[in-house]
Amino acid sequence: MKSPFPFFTSFILIALGAFSGSWVASADEPPAPLRLLFAGSSSLYWNDLPREVARVVEGKITGQPGRPVIPEAVGRSGSDIRVYSEPGFDRYEYGVRPGQTFLEKVAQEKPDIVAMMVVCRFIMGDDDPTGSGSAHADAVTRYCEAIRAAGGEPMFYEMGWGKTEREEEGRQRIFDLAVKNRVTLFAPCSSAWARVYRERPELALQHPKDGSHPGDAGHFLNLACFYAALTRESPVGKLPRTYPVWPHALPKAETDEAKAAQEARIAAFQPDAYQAKMAKWMFKNMSMKLTATLDEATATYLETVAWETWREIAERLSAAKAK
């Protein structure tokens, strides 16, 4: 029977081939852990996104059945990932050893997948010395080459929470960059947010006091996008409806009593393996140990948006590759 989605089917087959081979364990050995490295800034580490992605895709990554996933993050808050390629850059806040660079980490530690935060506003020229966005694109291309040279696969974390036409053009540039670099792992988070903005403008993807980071619902949508991209399966009904989150607009401790309580909470906090490698100033948020809960209808809607958005972009990537 002829597939009704020829490009989508071929895309899946290509992806399966890309992630087979050296990663397959022998029948009498437990599968080796899959190292999933995230590179980026605050919209990457907020809500412990790398850890939460690893939890929902554990043992389910395409072509890697049963493999445990070890998440890690590298980068600096508030910075474009292009700065990692600047000569002498050493202002990392998490993820590298003293004196180690991002590219050295990739070459030496050989992560299996590197999810890079590719950002609409940066590819449109924000924080670019030339104002063109080429610095962001060129750095991402260089990183894709280095990741593959180390035996891994690059992944795009499409990021951009704005609602302007400039954001839309940024998404197109990110897609074109993915085509240029033959990227098959693509988490279409910004595209999924844009669809929710159109269809459900009343649904708050961000906290009203925090326009920089994903809110509770936005975080859930991002998790669903990563689930679709890494497993190539529908996330509908697969994600927990109650999940860990970080606080937004956490008030500064003003009184001696409040400061003492905060210090005691942080001192008592026992980070997990992922959290222990992050910057210690993040413990203020991590130690709150908050959770969010979505009702079933909202969760299903967001999972459906993520799945349909990923399928559409996967089809477009496959079609572009076939040209």
C-alpha atoms as a PDB file:
ATOM      1  CA  MET A   1       0.000   0.000   0.000  1.00  0.00           C
ATOM      2  CA  LYS A   2       1.370   3.412  -0.929  1.00  0.00           C
ATOM      3  CA  SER A   3       2.003   5.705   2.039  1.00  0.00           C
ATOM      4  CA  PRO A   4      -0.219   8.811   2.102  1.00  0.00           C
ATOM      5  CA  PHE A   5       2.760  10.698   3.556  1.00  0.00           C
ATOM      6  CA  PRO A   6       5.698   9.794   1.269  1.00  0.00           C
ATOM      7  CA  PHE A   7       8.001  12.580   2.425  1.00  0.00           C
ATOM      8  CA  PHE A   8       7.132  11.973   6.076  1.00  0.00           C
ATOM      9  CA  THR A   9       7.781   8.238   5.691  1.00  0.00           C
ATOM     10  CA  SER A  10      11.126   8.787   3.991  1.00  0.00           C
ATOM     11  CA  PHE A  11      12.074  11.267   6.704  1.00  0.00           C
ATOM     12  CA  ILE A  12      11.412   8.645   9.381  1.00  0.00           C
ATOM     13  CA  LEU A  13      13.497   6.051   7.525  1.00  0.00           C
ATOM     14  CA  ILE A  14      16.377   8.479   7.108  1.00  0.00           C
ATOM     15  CA  ALA A  15      16.230   9.351  10.795  1.00  0.00           C
ATOM     16  CA  LEU A  16      16.181   5.710  11.824  1.00  0.00           C
ATOM     17  CA  GLY A  17      19.282   5.103   9.753  1.00  0.00           C
ATOM     18  CA  ALA A  18      21.036   8.116  11.201  1.00  0.00           C
ATOM     19  CA  PHE A  19      20.620   6.938  14.773  1.00  0.00           C
ATOM     20  CA  SER A  20      21.372   3.241  14.280  1.00  0.00           C
ATOM     21  CA  GLY A  21      24.737   1.569  13.994  1.00  0.00           C
ATOM     22  CA  SER A  22      27.304   2.369  16.666  1.00  0.00           C
ATOM     23  CA  TRP A  23      24.618   3.093  19.264  1.00  0.00           C
ATOM     24  CA  VAL A  24      23.137  -0.430  19.185  1.00  0.00           C
ATOM     25  CA  ALA A  25      24.093  -2.622  22.157  1.00  0.00           C
ATOM     26  CA  SER A  26      24.612  -6.380  21.881  1.00  0.00           C
ATOM     27  CA  ALA A  27      21.761  -8.597  23.024  1.00  0.00           C
ATOM     28  CA  ASP A  28      23.480  -9.640  26.278  1.00  0.00           C
ATOM     29  CA  GLU A  29      24.476  -6.119  27.352  1.00  0.00           C
ATOM     30  CA  PRO A  30      22.309  -3.393  28.846  1.00  0.00           C
ATOM     31  CA  PRO A  31      22.066  -0.456  26.462  1.00  0.00           C
ATOM     32  CA  ALA A  32      24.644   2.246  27.076  1.00  0.00           C
ATOM     33  CA  PRO A  33      23.339   5.600  28.293  1.00  0.00           C
ATOM     34  CA  LEU A  34      22.591   8.176  25.633  1.00  0.00           C
ATOM     35  CA  ARG A  35      24.165  11.537  26.396  1.00  0.00           C
ATOM     36  CA  LEU A  36      21.850  14.425  25.565  1.00  0.00           C
ATOM     37  CA  LEU A  37      23.631  17.785  25.777  1.00  0.00           C
ATOM     38  CA  PHE A  38      21.730  21.076  25.639  1.00  0.00           C
ATOM     39  CA  ALA A  39      23.493  24.303  24.643  1.00  0.00           C
ATOM     40  CA  GLY A  40      21.882  27.635  25.397  1.00  0.00           C
ATOM     41  CA  SER A  41      20.707  30.150  27.950  1.00  0.00           C
ATOM     42  CA  SER A  42      17.784  30.684  30.310  1.00  0.00           C
ATOM     43  CA  SER A  43      14.916  29.396  28.140  1.00  0.00           C
ATOM     44  CA  LEU A  44      16.918  26.191  28.003  1.00  0.00           C
ATOM     45  CA  TYR A  45      17.619  25.619  31.687  1.00  0.00           C
ATOM     46  CA  TRP A  46      14.379  27.161  33.022  1.00  0.00           C
ATOM     47  CA  ASN A  47      12.125  24.560  34.666  1.00  0.00           C
ATOM     48  CA  ASP A  48      15.051  22.110  34.415  1.00  0.00           C
ATOM     49  CA  LEU A  49      14.011  21.520  30.793  1.00  0.00           C
ATOM     50  CA  PRO A  50      16.933  19.196  29.897  1.00  0.00           C
ATOM     51  CA  ARG A  51      16.140  16.895  32.816  1.00  0.00           C
ATOM     52  CA  GLU A  52      12.424  16.887  32.062  1.00  0.00           C
ATOM     53  CA  VAL A  53      13.013  16.128  28.373  1.00  0.00           C
ATOM     54  CA  ALA A  54      15.270  13.232  29.344  1.00  0.00           C
ATOM     55  CA  ARG A  55      12.602  11.858  31.660  1.00  0.00           C
ATOM     56  CA  VAL A  56       9.816  11.807  29.084  1.00  0.00           C
ATOM     57  CA  VAL A  57      11.930  10.320  26.252  1.00  0.00           C
ATOM     58  CA  GLU A  58      13.841   7.790  28.378  1.00  0.00           C
ATOM     59  CA  GLY A  59      14.148   4.558  26.404  1.00  0.00           C
ATOM     60  CA  LYS A  60      12.028   5.932  23.544  1.00  0.00           C
ATOM     61  CA  ILE A  61      14.409   7.903  21.322  1.00  0.00           C
ATOM     62  CA  THR A  62      14.090   6.881  17.684  1.00  0.00           C
ATOM     63  CA  GLY A  63      16.378   3.954  16.889  1.00  0.00           C
ATOM     64  CA  GLN A  64      17.538   3.741  20.518  1.00  0.00           C
ATOM     65  CA  PRO A  65      14.993   1.544  22.328  1.00  0.00           C
ATOM     66  CA  GLY A  66      15.662   1.093  26.005  1.00  0.00           C
ATOM     67  CA  ARG A  67      18.604   3.465  26.255  1.00  0.00           C
ATOM     68  CA  PRO A  68      18.675   5.553  29.421  1.00  0.00           C
ATOM     69  CA  VAL A  69      19.214   9.255  28.796  1.00  0.00           C
ATOM     70  CA  ILE A  70      21.720  11.407  30.672  1.00  0.00           C
ATOM     71  CA  PRO A  71      20.945  15.124  30.288  1.00  0.00           C
ATOM     72  CA  GLU A  72      23.419  17.956  30.651  1.00  0.00           C
ATOM     73  CA  ALA A  73      23.462  21.652  29.817  1.00  0.00           C
ATOM     74  CA  VAL A  74      26.226  24.014  28.767  1.00  0.00           C
ATOM     75  CA  GLY A  75      26.170  27.750  28.292  1.00  0.00           C
ATOM     76  CA  ARG A  76      25.640  31.134  29.822  1.00  0.00           C
ATOM     77  CA  SER A  77      22.492  32.955  30.860  1.00  0.00           C
ATOM     78  CA  GLY A  78      21.355  35.742  28.549  1.00  0.00           C
ATOM     79  CA  SER A  79      23.828  34.968  25.769  1.00  0.00           C
ATOM     80  CA  ASP A  80      23.605  33.859  22.155  1.00  0.00           C
ATOM     81  CA  ILE A  81      25.311  30.492  21.657  1.00  0.00           C
ATOM     82  CA  ARG A  82      27.467  32.154  18.994  1.00  0.00           C
ATOM     83  CA  VAL A  83      29.631  33.654  21.762  1.00  0.00           C
ATOM     84  CA  TYR A  84      30.996  30.172  22.520  1.00  0.00           C
ATOM     85  CA  SER A  85      32.925  30.387  19.238  1.00  0.00           C
ATOM     86  CA  GLU A  86      34.523  33.750  20.014  1.00  0.00           C
ATOM     87  CA  PRO A  87      38.308  33.522  20.507  1.00  0.00           C
ATOM     88  CA  GLY A  88      39.133  33.269  24.187  1.00  0.00           C
ATOM     89  CA  PHE A  89      35.514  33.118  25.370  1.00  0.00           C
ATOM     90  CA  ASP A  90      35.555  31.717  28.895  1.00  0.00           C
ATOM     91  CA  ARG A  91      32.463  33.188  30.562  1.00  0.00           C
ATOM     92  CA  TYR A  92      30.502  29.949  30.775  1.00  0.00           C
ATOM     93  CA  GLU A  93      28.234  29.600  33.792  1.00  0.00           C
ATOM     94  CA  TYR A  94      27.501  25.872  33.583  1.00  0.00           C
ATOM     95  CA  GLY A  95      28.489  22.699  31.761  1.00  0.00           C
ATOM     96  CA  VAL A  96      32.232  22.974  31.134  1.00  0.00           C
ATOM     97  CA  ARG A  97      35.329  22.220  33.182  1.00  0.00           C
ATOM     98  CA  PRO A  98      37.648  25.123  34.026  1.00  0.00           C
ATOM     99  CA  GLY A  99      39.460  26.136  30.858  1.00  0.00           C
ATOM    100  CA  GLN A 100      37.273  23.940  28.648  1.00  0.00           C
ATOM    101  CA  THR A 101      35.288  25.376  25.729  1.00  0.00           C
ATOM    102  CA  PHE A 102      32.001  24.213  24.254  1.00  0.00           C
ATOM    103  CA  LEU A 103      33.715  22.820  21.167  1.00  0.00           C
ATOM    104  CA  GLU A 104      36.320  21.066  23.317  1.00  0.00           C
ATOM    105  CA  LYS A 105      33.539  19.550  25.426  1.00  0.00           C
ATOM    106  CA  VAL A 106      31.873  18.203  22.290  1.00  0.00           C
ATOM    107  CA  ALA A 107      35.145  16.813  20.916  1.00  0.00           C
ATOM    108  CA  GLN A 108      36.297  15.277  24.200  1.00  0.00           C
ATOM    109  CA  GLU A 109      33.042  14.005  25.699  1.00  0.00           C
ATOM    110  CA  LYS A 110      31.283  13.035  22.455  1.00  0.00           C
ATOM    111  CA  PRO A 111      27.614  13.554  23.366  1.00  0.00           C
ATOM    112  CA  ASP A 112      25.194  11.535  21.257  1.00  0.00           C
ATOM    113  CA  ILE A 113      22.799  14.427  20.623  1.00  0.00           C
ATOM    114  CA  VAL A 114      23.427  18.141  21.094  1.00  0.00           C
ATOM    115  CA  ALA A 115      20.266  20.251  21.273  1.00  0.00           C
ATOM    116  CA  MET A 116      21.204  23.827  20.413  1.00  0.00           C
ATOM    117  CA  MET A 117      18.977  26.779  21.227  1.00  0.00           C
ATOM    118  CA  VAL A 118      18.529  28.434  17.824  1.00  0.00           C
ATOM    119  CA  VAL A 119      16.779  31.723  18.476  1.00  0.00           C
ATOM    120  CA  CYS A 120      14.546  33.833  16.249  1.00  0.00           C
ATOM    121  CA  ARG A 121      15.802  37.188  17.452  1.00  0.00           C
ATOM    122  CA  PHE A 122      19.460  36.179  17.236  1.00  0.00           C
ATOM    123  CA  ILE A 123      19.161  34.852  13.692  1.00  0.00           C
ATOM    124  CA  MET A 124      17.426  38.137  12.852  1.00  0.00           C
ATOM    125  CA  GLY A 125      20.460  40.096  14.033  1.00  0.00           C
ATOM    126  CA  ASP A 126      19.950  40.942  17.708  1.00  0.00           C
ATOM    127  CA  ASP A 127      23.326  41.003  19.506  1.00  0.00           C
ATOM    128  CA  ASP A 128      25.058  40.381  16.164  1.00  0.00           C
ATOM    129  CA  PRO A 129      28.031  42.714  15.553  1.00  0.00           C
ATOM    130  CA  THR A 130      26.909  43.054  11.920  1.00  0.00           C
ATOM    131  CA  GLY A 131      23.188  43.207  12.693  1.00  0.00           C
ATOM    132  CA  SER A 132      22.512  40.613  10.000  1.00  0.00           C
ATOM    133  CA  GLY A 133      22.074  37.427  12.015  1.00  0.00           C
ATOM    134  CA  SER A 134      24.847  35.732  10.065  1.00  0.00           C
ATOM    135  CA  ALA A 135      27.015  35.386  13.184  1.00  0.00           C
ATOM    136  CA  HIS A 136      24.364  33.215  14.866  1.00  0.00           C
ATOM    137  CA  ALA A 137      23.809  31.134  11.728  1.00  0.00           C
ATOM    138  CA  ASP A 138      27.526  30.696  11.040  1.00  0.00           C
ATOM    139  CA  ALA A 139      28.196  29.604  14.622  1.00  0.00           C
ATOM    140  CA  VAL A 140      25.372  27.056  14.520  1.00  0.00           C
ATOM    141  CA  THR A 141      26.741  25.665  11.247  1.00  0.00           C
ATOM    142  CA  ARG A 142      30.188  25.349  12.781  1.00  0.00           C
ATOM    143  CA  TYR A 143      28.715  23.562  15.785  1.00  0.00           C
ATOM    144  CA  CYS A 144      26.768  21.138  13.578  1.00  0.00           C
ATOM    145  CA  GLU A 145      30.007  20.184  11.842  1.00  0.00           C
ATOM    146  CA  ALA A 146      31.849  19.727  15.144  1.00  0.00           C
ATOM    147  CA  ILE A 147      29.055  17.634  16.672  1.00  0.00           C
ATOM    148  CA  ARG A 148      29.034  15.274  13.702  1.00  0.00           C
ATOM    149  CA  ALA A 149      32.832  15.101  13.667  1.00  0.00           C
ATOM    150  CA  ALA A 150      32.627  13.861  17.269  1.00  0.00           C
ATOM    151  CA  GLY A 151      30.110  11.175  16.292  1.00  0.00           C
ATOM    152  CA  GLY A 152      26.937  12.894  17.470  1.00  0.00           C
ATOM    153  CA  GLU A 153      23.878  14.469  15.894  1.00  0.00           C
ATOM    154  CA  PRO A 154      22.900  18.146  16.119  1.00  0.00           C
ATOM    155  CA  MET A 155      19.388  19.084  17.158  1.00  0.00           C
ATOM    156  CA  PHE A 156      17.622  22.426  16.803  1.00  0.00           C
ATOM    157  CA  TYR A 157      15.622  23.809  19.727  1.00  0.00           C
ATOM    158  CA  GLU A 158      13.626  26.427  17.812  1.00  0.00           C
ATOM    159  CA  MET A 159      13.174  29.235  20.326  1.00  0.00           C
ATOM    160  CA  GLY A 160      11.270  32.518  20.140  1.00  0.00           C
ATOM    161  CA  TRP A 161       8.293  33.508  22.254  1.00  0.00           C
ATOM    162  CA  GLY A 162       7.356  36.766  20.493  1.00  0.00           C
ATOM    163  CA  LYS A 163       4.281  37.413  18.345  1.00  0.00           C
ATOM    164  CA  THR A 164       5.676  39.715  15.631  1.00  0.00           C
ATOM    165  CA  GLU A 165       6.355  39.253  11.932  1.00  0.00           C
ATOM    166  CA  ARG A 166      10.043  39.477  12.784  1.00  0.00           C
ATOM    167  CA  GLU A 167       9.630  36.340  14.871  1.00  0.00           C
ATOM    168  CA  GLU A 168       7.951  34.646  11.912  1.00  0.00           C
ATOM    169  CA  GLU A 169      10.821  35.562   9.610  1.00  0.00           C
ATOM    170  CA  GLY A 170      13.222  34.266  12.239  1.00  0.00           C
ATOM    171  CA  ARG A 171      11.470  30.889  12.193  1.00  0.00           C
ATOM    172  CA  GLN A 172      11.858  30.733   8.418  1.00  0.00           C
ATOM    173  CA  ARG A 173      15.564  31.491   8.712  1.00  0.00           C
ATOM    174  CA  ILE A 174      15.941  28.783  11.345  1.00  0.00           C
ATOM    175  CA  PHE A 175      14.185  26.305   9.054  1.00  0.00           C
ATOM    176  CA  ASP A 176      16.459  27.266   6.151  1.00  0.00           C
ATOM    177  CA  LEU A 177      19.490  26.817   8.405  1.00  0.00           C
ATOM    178  CA  ALA A 178      18.235  23.353   9.371  1.00  0.00           C
ATOM    179  CA  VAL A 179      17.954  22.450   5.682  1.00  0.00           C
ATOM    180  CA  LYS A 180      21.456  23.770   5.007  1.00  0.00           C
ATOM    181  CA  ASN A 181      22.884  21.660   7.823  1.00  0.00           C
ATOM    182  CA  ARG A 182      20.816  18.528   7.068  1.00  0.00           C
ATOM    183  CA  VAL A 183      19.248  18.640  10.528  1.00  0.00           C
ATOM    184  CA  THR A 184      16.648  15.935  11.152  1.00  0.00           C
ATOM    185  CA  LEU A 185      16.171  16.496  14.889  1.00  0.00           C
ATOM    186  CA  PHE A 186      14.062  19.643  15.151  1.00  0.00           C
ATOM    187  CA  ALA A 187      11.957  20.659  18.166  1.00  0.00           C
ATOM    188  CA  PRO A 188       9.541  23.250  16.675  1.00  0.00           C
ATOM    189  CA  CYS A 189       8.779  25.052  19.928  1.00  0.00           C
ATOM    190  CA  SER A 190       8.462  28.594  18.554  1.00  0.00           C
ATOM    191  CA  SER A 191       6.270  27.383  15.676  1.00  0.00           C
ATOM    192  CA  ALA A 192       4.005  25.537  18.112  1.00  0.00           C
ATOM    193  CA  TRP A 193       3.727  28.642  20.297  1.00  0.00           C
ATOM    194  CA  ALA A 194       2.737  30.692  17.237  1.00  0.00           C
ATOM    195  CA  ARG A 195      -0.115  28.287  16.493  1.00  0.00           C
ATOM    196  CA  VAL A 196      -1.382  28.458  20.078  1.00  0.00           C
ATOM    197  CA  TYR A 197      -1.240  32.263  19.944  1.00  0.00           C
ATOM    198  CA  ARG A 198      -3.488  32.143  16.864  1.00  0.00           C
ATOM    199  CA  GLU A 199      -5.930  29.497  18.064  1.00  0.00           C
ATOM    200  CA  ARG A 200      -6.055  29.985  21.833  1.00  0.00           C
ATOM    201  CA  PRO A 201      -4.896  33.530  22.655  1.00  0.00           C
ATOM    202  CA  GLU A 202      -6.426  33.230  26.116  1.00  0.00           C
ATOM    203  CA  LEU A 203      -4.102  30.341  26.980  1.00  0.00           C
ATOM    204  CA  ALA A 204      -1.141  31.803  28.877  1.00  0.00           C
ATOM    205  CA  LEU A 205       2.084  30.203  27.697  1.00  0.00           C
ATOM    206  CA  GLN A 206       4.054  32.609  29.884  1.00  0.00           C
ATOM    207  CA  HIS A 207       3.622  33.930  33.401  1.00  0.00           C
ATOM    208  CA  PRO A 208       2.204  37.490  33.372  1.00  0.00           C
ATOM    209  CA  LYS A 209       5.228  38.726  35.339  1.00  0.00           C
ATOM    210  CA  ASP A 210       7.828  36.889  33.260  1.00  0.00           C
ATOM    211  CA  GLY A 211       7.950  37.603  29.542  1.00  0.00           C
ATOM    212  CA  SER A 212      11.394  36.063  29.086  1.00  0.00           C
ATOM    213  CA  HIS A 213      10.862  32.405  29.929  1.00  0.00           C
ATOM    214  CA  PRO A 214       8.307  29.681  29.231  1.00  0.00           C
ATOM    215  CA  GLY A 215       5.490  29.618  31.752  1.00  0.00           C
ATOM    216  CA  ASP A 216       3.967  26.400  33.053  1.00  0.00           C
ATOM    217  CA  ALA A 217       1.847  25.746  29.945  1.00  0.00           C
ATOM    218  CA  GLY A 218       4.619  26.918  27.616  1.00  0.00           C
ATOM    219  CA  HIS A 219       7.035  24.521  29.271  1.00  0.00           C
ATOM    220  CA  PHE A 220       4.580  21.650  28.796  1.00  0.00           C
ATOM    221  CA  LEU A 221       4.231  22.558  25.108  1.00  0.00           C
ATOM    222  CA  ASN A 222       8.019  22.579  24.719  1.00  0.00           C
ATOM    223  CA  LEU A 223       8.268  19.151  26.350  1.00  0.00           C
ATOM    224  CA  ALA A 224       5.681  17.838  23.896  1.00  0.00           C
ATOM    225  CA  CYS A 225       7.680  19.268  20.968  1.00  0.00           C
ATOM    226  CA  PHE A 226      10.866  17.585  22.181  1.00  0.00           C
ATOM    227  CA  TYR A 227       8.974  14.323  22.709  1.00  0.00           C
ATOM    228  CA  ALA A 228       7.721  14.388  19.120  1.00  0.00           C
ATOM    229  CA  ALA A 229      11.127  15.317  17.704  1.00  0.00           C
ATOM    230  CA  LEU A 230      13.127  12.711  19.608  1.00  0.00           C
ATOM    231  CA  THR A 231      10.700   9.777  19.502  1.00  0.00           C
ATOM    232  CA  ARG A 232       8.887  10.515  16.224  1.00  0.00           C
ATOM    233  CA  GLU A 233       5.737   9.451  18.024  1.00  0.00           C
ATOM    234  CA  SER A 234       2.686  11.407  19.070  1.00  0.00           C
ATOM    235  CA  PRO A 235       2.995  12.865  22.574  1.00  0.00           C
ATOM    236  CA  VAL A 236      -0.791  12.891  22.993  1.00  0.00           C
ATOM    237  CA  GLY A 237      -1.569  11.274  26.329  1.00  0.00           C
ATOM    238  CA  LYS A 238       2.103  10.505  26.969  1.00  0.00           C
ATOM    239  CA  LEU A 239       3.204  13.396  29.194  1.00  0.00           C
ATOM    240  CA  PRO A 240       2.481  13.698  32.932  1.00  0.00           C
ATOM    241  CA  ARG A 241      -0.257  16.232  33.717  1.00  0.00           C
ATOM    242  CA  THR A 242       1.517  17.272  36.918  1.00  0.00           C
ATOM    243  CA  TYR A 243       5.171  18.159  36.440  1.00  0.00           C
ATOM    244  CA  PRO A 244       8.016  20.138  38.074  1.00  0.00           C
ATOM    245  CA  VAL A 245       8.333  23.860  37.324  1.00  0.00           C
ATOM    246  CA  TRP A 246      10.259  26.863  38.562  1.00  0.00           C
ATOM    247  CA  PRO A 247       8.710  29.923  40.209  1.00  0.00           C
ATOM    248  CA  HIS A 248       8.271  33.129  38.215  1.00  0.00           C
ATOM    249  CA  ALA A 249       8.977  36.599  39.594  1.00  0.00           C
ATOM    250  CA  LEU A 250      10.140  35.076  42.866  1.00  0.00           C
ATOM    251  CA  PRO A 251      10.172  37.968  45.347  1.00  0.00           C
ATOM    252  CA  LYS A 252      13.471  38.964  46.875  1.00  0.00           C
ATOM    253  CA  ALA A 253      13.831  38.055  50.528  1.00  0.00           C
ATOM    254  CA  GLU A 254      13.710  41.387  52.349  1.00  0.00           C
ATOM    255  CA  THR A 255      13.439  40.673  56.073  1.00  0.00           C
ATOM    256  CA  ASP A 256      16.020  38.862  58.173  1.00  0.00           C
ATOM    257  CA  GLU A 257      13.466  36.124  58.788  1.00  0.00           C
ATOM    258  CA  ALA A 258      12.775  35.678  55.064  1.00  0.00           C
ATOM    259  CA  LYS A 259      16.483  35.664  54.246  1.00  0.00           C
ATOM    260  CA  ALA A 260      17.167  33.056  56.916  1.00  0.00           C
ATOM    261  CA  ALA A 261      14.323  30.856  55.658  1.00  0.00           C
ATOM    262  CA  GLN A 262      15.605  31.086  52.089  1.00  0.00           C
ATOM    263  CA  GLU A 263      19.163  30.269  53.127  1.00  0.00           C
ATOM    264  CA  ALA A 264      17.946  27.295  55.157  1.00  0.00           C
ATOM    265  CA  ARG A 265      15.859  26.002  52.259  1.00  0.00           C
ATOM    266  CA  ILE A 266      18.771  26.239  49.847  1.00  0.00           C
ATOM    267  CA  ALA A 267      21.188  24.674  52.350  1.00  0.00           C
ATOM    268  CA  ALA A 268      18.838  21.713  52.816  1.00  0.00           C
ATOM    269  CA  PHE A 269      18.311  21.272  49.076  1.00  0.00           C
ATOM    270  CA  GLN A 270      19.730  18.047  47.654  1.00  0.00           C
ATOM    271  CA  PRO A 271      20.162  18.433  43.893  1.00  0.00           C
ATOM    272  CA  ASP A 272      19.856  15.450  41.602  1.00  0.00           C
ATOM    273  CA  ALA A 273      22.658  14.471  39.215  1.00  0.00           C
ATOM    274  CA  TYR A 274      21.543  16.948  36.545  1.00  0.00           C
ATOM    275  CA  GLN A 275      20.954  19.850  38.930  1.00  0.00           C
ATOM    276  CA  ALA A 276      24.267  19.344  40.734  1.00  0.00           C
ATOM    277  CA  LYS A 277      26.160  20.319  37.575  1.00  0.00           C
ATOM    278  CA  MET A 278      24.296  23.587  37.125  1.00  0.00           C
ATOM    279  CA  ALA A 279      25.171  27.000  38.557  1.00  0.00           C
ATOM    280  CA  LYS A 280      24.587  27.168  42.292  1.00  0.00           C
ATOM    281  CA  TRP A 281      22.543  30.372  41.992  1.00  0.00           C
ATOM    282  CA  MET A 282      19.872  28.265  40.285  1.00  0.00           C
ATOM    283  CA  PHE A 283      19.303  26.418  43.565  1.00  0.00           C
ATOM    284  CA  LYS A 284      17.112  29.322  44.681  1.00  0.00           C
ATOM    285  CA  ASN A 285      14.528  28.268  42.083  1.00  0.00           C
ATOM    286  CA  MET A 286      15.228  24.540  42.097  1.00  0.00           C
ATOM    287  CA  SER A 287      14.832  24.290  45.868  1.00  0.00           C
ATOM    288  CA  MET A 288      11.245  25.556  45.717  1.00  0.00           C
ATOM    289  CA  LYS A 289      10.244  22.112  44.359  1.00  0.00           C
ATOM    290  CA  LEU A 290       7.087  23.437  42.731  1.00  0.00           C
ATOM    291  CA  THR A 291       4.776  21.553  40.394  1.00  0.00           C
ATOM    292  CA  ALA A 292       2.139  22.617  37.891  1.00  0.00           C
ATOM    293  CA  THR A 293      -0.949  20.723  36.778  1.00  0.00           C
ATOM    294  CA  LEU A 294      -2.820  21.012  33.483  1.00  0.00           C
ATOM    295  CA  ASP A 295      -6.381  19.859  32.970  1.00  0.00           C
ATOM    296  CA  GLU A 296      -6.778  17.010  30.509  1.00  0.00           C
ATOM    297  CA  ALA A 297      -8.341  19.090  27.729  1.00  0.00           C
ATOM    298  CA  THR A 298      -5.564  21.691  27.774  1.00  0.00           C
ATOM    299  CA  ALA A 299      -2.813  19.085  27.989  1.00  0.00           C
ATOM    300  CA  THR A 300      -4.255  17.123  25.071  1.00  0.00           C
ATOM    301  CA  TYR A 301      -4.610  20.285  22.998  1.00  0.00           C
ATOM    302  CA  LEU A 302      -0.980  21.297  23.572  1.00  0.00           C
ATOM    303  CA  GLU A 303       0.277  17.785  22.836  1.00  0.00           C
ATOM    304  CA  THR A 304      -1.747  17.738  19.614  1.00  0.00           C
ATOM    305  CA  VAL A 305      -0.336  21.108  18.541  1.00  0.00           C
ATOM    306  CA  ALA A 306       3.199  19.867  19.199  1.00  0.00           C
ATOM    307  CA  TRP A 307       2.660  16.661  17.220  1.00  0.00           C
ATOM    308  CA  GLU A 308       0.988  18.292  14.238  1.00  0.00           C
ATOM    309  CA  THR A 309       3.557  21.099  14.150  1.00  0.00           C
ATOM    310  CA  TRP A 310       6.435  18.635  14.249  1.00  0.00           C
ATOM    311  CA  ARG A 311       4.889  16.492  11.496  1.00  0.00           C
ATOM    312  CA  GLU A 312       4.442  19.528   9.267  1.00  0.00           C
ATOM    313  CA  ILE A 313       8.039  20.643   9.716  1.00  0.00           C
ATOM    314  CA  ALA A 314       9.363  17.095   9.325  1.00  0.00           C
ATOM    315  CA  GLU A 315       7.504  16.886   6.015  1.00  0.00           C
ATOM    316  CA  ARG A 316       8.983  20.196   4.879  1.00  0.00           C
ATOM    317  CA  LEU A 317      12.499  19.163   5.890  1.00  0.00           C
ATOM    318  CA  SER A 318      12.141  15.897   4.000  1.00  0.00           C
ATOM    319  CA  ALA A 319      10.791  17.669   0.920  1.00  0.00           C
ATOM    320  CA  ALA A 320      13.668  20.163   0.990  1.00  0.00           C
ATOM    321  CA  LYS A 321      16.182  17.339   1.303  1.00  0.00           C
ATOM    322  CA  ALA A 322      14.664  15.589  -1.719  1.00  0.00           C
ATOM    323  CA  LYS A 323      15.154  18.603  -4.006  1.00  0.00           C
END
